[in-house]
Amino acid sequence: MDSENKNKYDFLIQLLSEGDAMVSLDARLPNVDVPVSHKGNAALSLVFNLNFKRPFDVQEGGIYATLAFGGRPYKCVIPFEAIWSIHEPESKKGQVWEESFPKDLELKIKANTKEVDPEPEPYLEQNYNPEISQLKILKEKGQSRPKRDRSHLRVIK
């Protein structure tokens, strides 16, 4: 095992001993065995935990696990050569291996660059105000104000 893969192995084992580990991989590589629907994904992210009910094994060659995709089990083979990032899902603390990072995958890292193109949300207007939009819809329906919420729960004193 080369030093980079040994580093990935050790880091994954450390995270798994603490809880969940999210692994990002290039599923397009030939030795990766995942469902066909995910095979073209250069940034496939999978969460692993030692408490999985299905078979799960981390060896020097990679990760061998039966995972559920759409409720159907699939025996996955994930060699360490395909893994480019491992992190803890909640804290986002982890490691990225630049040597394994897919060359055609572009990530915008806003924290480390000053050349950030601000991209507005495509589905929101620049001065979007949900209250104004709701009133506009109500006026179109001929109502002047929203109906009161008549939920089934009431406060009893």
C-alpha atoms as a PDB file:
ATOM      1  CA  MET A   1       0.000   0.000   0.000  1.00  0.00           C
ATOM      2  CA  ASP A   2       1.479   3.375  -0.954  1.00  0.00           C
ATOM      3  CA  SER A   3       1.719   6.155   1.622  1.00  0.00           C
ATOM      4  CA  GLU A   4      -1.264   8.149   0.298  1.00  0.00           C
ATOM      5  CA  ASN A   5      -3.607   5.151   0.492  1.00  0.00           C
ATOM      6  CA  LYS A   6      -2.202   4.245   3.919  1.00  0.00           C
ATOM      7  CA  ASN A   7      -2.981   7.805   5.029  1.00  0.00           C
ATOM      8  CA  LYS A   8      -6.576   7.481   3.744  1.00  0.00           C
ATOM      9  CA  TYR A   9      -6.946   4.102   5.456  1.00  0.00           C
ATOM     10  CA  ASP A  10      -5.650   5.408   8.800  1.00  0.00           C
ATOM     11  CA  PHE A  11      -7.774   8.560   8.638  1.00  0.00           C
ATOM     12  CA  LEU A  12     -10.930   6.574   7.798  1.00  0.00           C
ATOM     13  CA  ILE A  13     -10.319   4.117  10.646  1.00  0.00           C
ATOM     14  CA  GLN A  14      -9.843   7.044  13.048  1.00  0.00           C
ATOM     15  CA  LEU A  15     -13.117   8.710  12.013  1.00  0.00           C
ATOM     16  CA  LEU A  16     -15.031   5.429  12.118  1.00  0.00           C
ATOM     17  CA  SER A  17     -13.805   4.818  15.665  1.00  0.00           C
ATOM     18  CA  GLU A  18     -15.435   8.144  16.608  1.00  0.00           C
ATOM     19  CA  GLY A  19     -18.685   7.700  14.627  1.00  0.00           C
ATOM     20  CA  ASP A  20     -19.725   8.545  11.066  1.00  0.00           C
ATOM     21  CA  ALA A  21     -17.352   9.123   8.173  1.00  0.00           C
ATOM     22  CA  MET A  22     -18.355  10.648   4.837  1.00  0.00           C
ATOM     23  CA  VAL A  23     -16.252   9.474   1.926  1.00  0.00           C
ATOM     24  CA  SER A  24     -16.164  11.393  -1.366  1.00  0.00           C
ATOM     25  CA  LEU A  25     -14.944   9.455  -4.366  1.00  0.00           C
ATOM     26  CA  ASP A  26     -14.698   9.465  -8.130  1.00  0.00           C
ATOM     27  CA  ALA A  27     -17.088   6.665  -9.066  1.00  0.00           C
ATOM     28  CA  ARG A  28     -16.011   6.845 -12.724  1.00  0.00           C
ATOM     29  CA  LEU A  29     -12.754   5.009 -12.086  1.00  0.00           C
ATOM     30  CA  PRO A  30     -12.719   1.435 -13.437  1.00  0.00           C
ATOM     31  CA  ASN A  31     -12.059  -0.371 -10.127  1.00  0.00           C
ATOM     32  CA  VAL A  32     -15.018   1.294  -8.384  1.00  0.00           C
ATOM     33  CA  ASP A  33     -18.112  -0.901  -8.157  1.00  0.00           C
ATOM     34  CA  VAL A  34     -21.282   1.084  -7.387  1.00  0.00           C
ATOM     35  CA  PRO A  35     -24.747   1.001  -8.972  1.00  0.00           C
ATOM     36  CA  VAL A  36     -24.826   2.047 -12.628  1.00  0.00           C
ATOM     37  CA  SER A  37     -26.913   5.116 -11.769  1.00  0.00           C
ATOM     38  CA  HIS A  38     -23.964   6.478  -9.723  1.00  0.00           C
ATOM     39  CA  LYS A  39     -21.103   5.257 -11.896  1.00  0.00           C
ATOM     40  CA  GLY A  40     -20.710   8.583 -13.742  1.00  0.00           C
ATOM     41  CA  ASN A  41     -20.457  10.658 -10.559  1.00  0.00           C
ATOM     42  CA  ALA A  42     -17.070  12.279  -9.937  1.00  0.00           C
ATOM     43  CA  ALA A  43     -18.206  13.488  -6.502  1.00  0.00           C
ATOM     44  CA  LEU A  44     -20.151  10.579  -5.045  1.00  0.00           C
ATOM     45  CA  SER A  45     -20.437  10.952  -1.268  1.00  0.00           C
ATOM     46  CA  LEU A  46     -21.226   7.994   0.966  1.00  0.00           C
ATOM     47  CA  VAL A  47     -21.594   7.867   4.745  1.00  0.00           C
ATOM     48  CA  PHE A  48     -20.128   4.923   6.635  1.00  0.00           C
ATOM     49  CA  ASN A  49     -20.453   3.768  10.232  1.00  0.00           C
ATOM     50  CA  LEU A  50     -19.144   0.705  12.036  1.00  0.00           C
ATOM     51  CA  ASN A  51     -22.659  -0.022  13.297  1.00  0.00           C
ATOM     52  CA  PHE A  52     -23.999  -0.857   9.822  1.00  0.00           C
ATOM     53  CA  LYS A  53     -26.336  -3.857   9.819  1.00  0.00           C
ATOM     54  CA  ARG A  54     -25.141  -4.975   6.394  1.00  0.00           C
ATOM     55  CA  PRO A  55     -21.628  -6.310   5.685  1.00  0.00           C
ATOM     56  CA  PHE A  56     -18.975  -3.583   5.905  1.00  0.00           C
ATOM     57  CA  ASP A  57     -15.208  -4.022   5.821  1.00  0.00           C
ATOM     58  CA  VAL A  58     -12.263  -1.638   5.500  1.00  0.00           C
ATOM     59  CA  GLN A  59      -9.132  -3.302   4.207  1.00  0.00           C
ATOM     60  CA  GLU A  60      -5.819  -2.037   2.855  1.00  0.00           C
ATOM     61  CA  GLY A  61      -7.200  -2.152  -0.691  1.00  0.00           C
ATOM     62  CA  GLY A  62     -10.351  -0.176   0.008  1.00  0.00           C
ATOM     63  CA  ILE A  63     -13.860  -0.263   1.402  1.00  0.00           C
ATOM     64  CA  TYR A  64     -16.093  -3.280   0.812  1.00  0.00           C
ATOM     65  CA  ALA A  65     -19.662  -2.655   1.898  1.00  0.00           C
ATOM     66  CA  THR A  66     -23.222  -3.604   1.078  1.00  0.00           C
ATOM     67  CA  LEU A  67     -25.064  -0.304   0.836  1.00  0.00           C
ATOM     68  CA  ALA A  68     -28.691   0.514   0.129  1.00  0.00           C
ATOM     69  CA  PHE A  69     -29.451   2.628  -2.940  1.00  0.00           C
ATOM     70  CA  GLY A  70     -33.119   3.404  -3.338  1.00  0.00           C
ATOM     71  CA  GLY A  71     -33.878   0.733  -0.739  1.00  0.00           C
ATOM     72  CA  ARG A  72     -32.022  -1.965  -2.675  1.00  0.00           C
ATOM     73  CA  PRO A  73     -28.789  -3.483  -1.361  1.00  0.00           C
ATOM     74  CA  TYR A  74     -25.693  -3.340  -3.560  1.00  0.00           C
ATOM     75  CA  LYS A  75     -22.235  -4.779  -2.850  1.00  0.00           C
ATOM     76  CA  CYS A  76     -19.869  -1.844  -3.350  1.00  0.00           C
ATOM     77  CA  VAL A  77     -16.124  -1.914  -3.852  1.00  0.00           C
ATOM     78  CA  ILE A  78     -14.387   1.419  -3.270  1.00  0.00           C
ATOM     79  CA  PRO A  79     -10.607   1.364  -3.718  1.00  0.00           C
ATOM     80  CA  PHE A  80      -8.640   4.021  -1.848  1.00  0.00           C
ATOM     81  CA  GLU A  81      -7.306   5.327  -5.194  1.00  0.00           C
ATOM     82  CA  ALA A  82     -10.830   6.603  -5.975  1.00  0.00           C
ATOM     83  CA  ILE A  83     -11.288   8.403  -2.637  1.00  0.00           C
ATOM     84  CA  TRP A  84     -10.380  12.083  -2.674  1.00  0.00           C
ATOM     85  CA  SER A  85     -11.975  13.293   0.580  1.00  0.00           C
ATOM     86  CA  ILE A  86     -12.944  11.893   3.971  1.00  0.00           C
ATOM     87  CA  HIS A  87     -14.661  13.970   6.627  1.00  0.00           C
ATOM     88  CA  GLU A  88     -16.947  13.830   9.641  1.00  0.00           C
ATOM     89  CA  PRO A  89     -20.446  14.805   8.370  1.00  0.00           C
ATOM     90  CA  GLU A  90     -21.561  16.942  11.309  1.00  0.00           C
ATOM     91  CA  SER A  91     -18.438  18.989  11.988  1.00  0.00           C
ATOM     92  CA  LYS A  92     -17.194  18.908   8.370  1.00  0.00           C
ATOM     93  CA  LYS A  93     -13.686  18.319   9.715  1.00  0.00           C
ATOM     94  CA  GLY A  94     -11.683  16.089   7.465  1.00  0.00           C
ATOM     95  CA  GLN A  95      -9.075  15.832   4.785  1.00  0.00           C
ATOM     96  CA  VAL A  96      -8.864  16.249   1.003  1.00  0.00           C
ATOM     97  CA  TRP A  97      -6.190  14.506  -1.057  1.00  0.00           C
ATOM     98  CA  GLU A  98      -5.414  16.844  -3.953  1.00  0.00           C
ATOM     99  CA  GLU A  99      -3.515  14.132  -5.852  1.00  0.00           C
ATOM    100  CA  SER A 100      -6.708  12.038  -6.016  1.00  0.00           C
ATOM    101  CA  PHE A 101      -9.040  14.961  -6.705  1.00  0.00           C
ATOM    102  CA  PRO A 102     -10.712  14.621 -10.157  1.00  0.00           C
ATOM    103  CA  LYS A 103      -9.045  17.063 -12.543  1.00  0.00           C
ATOM    104  CA  ASP A 104     -12.303  17.907 -14.336  1.00  0.00           C
ATOM    105  CA  LEU A 105     -14.245  18.612 -11.150  1.00  0.00           C
ATOM    106  CA  GLU A 106     -14.425  22.266 -10.219  1.00  0.00           C
ATOM    107  CA  LEU A 107     -15.069  23.336  -6.658  1.00  0.00           C
ATOM    108  CA  LYS A 108     -15.452  26.945  -5.664  1.00  0.00           C
ATOM    109  CA  ILE A 109     -13.652  27.499  -2.409  1.00  0.00           C
ATOM    110  CA  LYS A 110     -14.886  30.878  -1.243  1.00  0.00           C
ATOM    111  CA  ALA A 111     -12.938  31.039   2.001  1.00  0.00           C
ATOM    112  CA  ASN A 112      -9.499  30.964   0.361  1.00  0.00           C
ATOM    113  CA  THR A 113     -10.013  33.159  -2.696  1.00  0.00           C
ATOM    114  CA  LYS A 114     -10.843  36.782  -3.326  1.00  0.00           C
ATOM    115  CA  GLU A 115     -12.043  36.089  -6.863  1.00  0.00           C
ATOM    116  CA  VAL A 116     -15.527  34.958  -5.952  1.00  0.00           C
ATOM    117  CA  ASP A 117     -18.305  35.511  -8.441  1.00  0.00           C
ATOM    118  CA  PRO A 118     -21.454  36.145  -6.441  1.00  0.00           C
ATOM    119  CA  GLU A 119     -24.135  33.982  -7.971  1.00  0.00           C
ATOM    120  CA  PRO A 120     -27.696  34.955  -7.049  1.00  0.00           C
ATOM    121  CA  GLU A 121     -30.159  32.212  -6.410  1.00  0.00           C
ATOM    122  CA  PRO A 122     -31.704  31.465  -9.817  1.00  0.00           C
ATOM    123  CA  TYR A 123     -35.237  31.042  -8.507  1.00  0.00           C
ATOM    124  CA  LEU A 124     -35.349  34.144  -6.296  1.00  0.00           C
ATOM    125  CA  GLU A 125     -35.759  37.728  -7.385  1.00  0.00           C
ATOM    126  CA  GLN A 126     -33.118  40.073  -6.035  1.00  0.00           C
ATOM    127  CA  ASN A 127     -35.487  41.839  -3.626  1.00  0.00           C
ATOM    128  CA  TYR A 128     -37.654  38.853  -2.780  1.00  0.00           C
ATOM    129  CA  ASN A 129     -39.921  39.321   0.219  1.00  0.00           C
ATOM    130  CA  PRO A 130     -42.146  36.330   1.039  1.00  0.00           C
ATOM    131  CA  GLU A 131     -44.775  38.483   2.795  1.00  0.00           C
ATOM    132  CA  ILE A 132     -45.205  40.782  -0.207  1.00  0.00           C
ATOM    133  CA  SER A 133     -45.447  37.790  -2.531  1.00  0.00           C
ATOM    134  CA  GLN A 134     -48.066  36.158  -0.309  1.00  0.00           C
ATOM    135  CA  LEU A 135     -50.140  39.371  -0.251  1.00  0.00           C
ATOM    136  CA  LYS A 136     -49.868  39.618  -4.030  1.00  0.00           C
ATOM    137  CA  ILE A 137     -51.265  36.084  -4.401  1.00  0.00           C
ATOM    138  CA  LEU A 138     -54.084  36.819  -1.929  1.00  0.00           C
ATOM    139  CA  LYS A 139     -55.074  39.991  -3.805  1.00  0.00           C
ATOM    140  CA  GLU A 140     -55.218  37.999  -7.039  1.00  0.00           C
ATOM    141  CA  LYS A 141     -57.619  35.584  -5.292  1.00  0.00           C
ATOM    142  CA  GLY A 142     -59.752  38.491  -4.048  1.00  0.00           C
ATOM    143  CA  GLN A 143     -58.720  38.179  -0.387  1.00  0.00           C
ATOM    144  CA  SER A 144     -57.342  41.090   1.615  1.00  0.00           C
ATOM    145  CA  ARG A 145     -55.479  39.142   4.302  1.00  0.00           C
ATOM    146  CA  PRO A 146     -54.501  35.561   5.000  1.00  0.00           C
ATOM    147  CA  LYS A 147     -56.937  33.251   6.745  1.00  0.00           C
ATOM    148  CA  ARG A 148     -56.168  32.412  10.357  1.00  0.00           C
ATOM    149  CA  ASP A 149     -54.588  29.110  11.048  1.00  0.00           C
ATOM    150  CA  ARG A 150     -57.311  26.869  12.445  1.00  0.00           C
ATOM    151  CA  SER A 151     -55.157  24.008  13.606  1.00  0.00           C
ATOM    152  CA  HIS A 152     -56.656  21.196  15.639  1.00  0.00           C
ATOM    153  CA  LEU A 153     -54.670  22.164  18.741  1.00  0.00           C
ATOM    154  CA  ARG A 154     -56.034  24.806  21.109  1.00  0.00           C
ATOM    155  CA  VAL A 155     -54.699  26.388  24.266  1.00  0.00           C
ATOM    156  CA  ILE A 156     -56.887  25.496  27.245  1.00  0.00           C
ATOM    157  CA  LYS A 157     -56.524  27.496  30.437  1.00  0.00           C
END
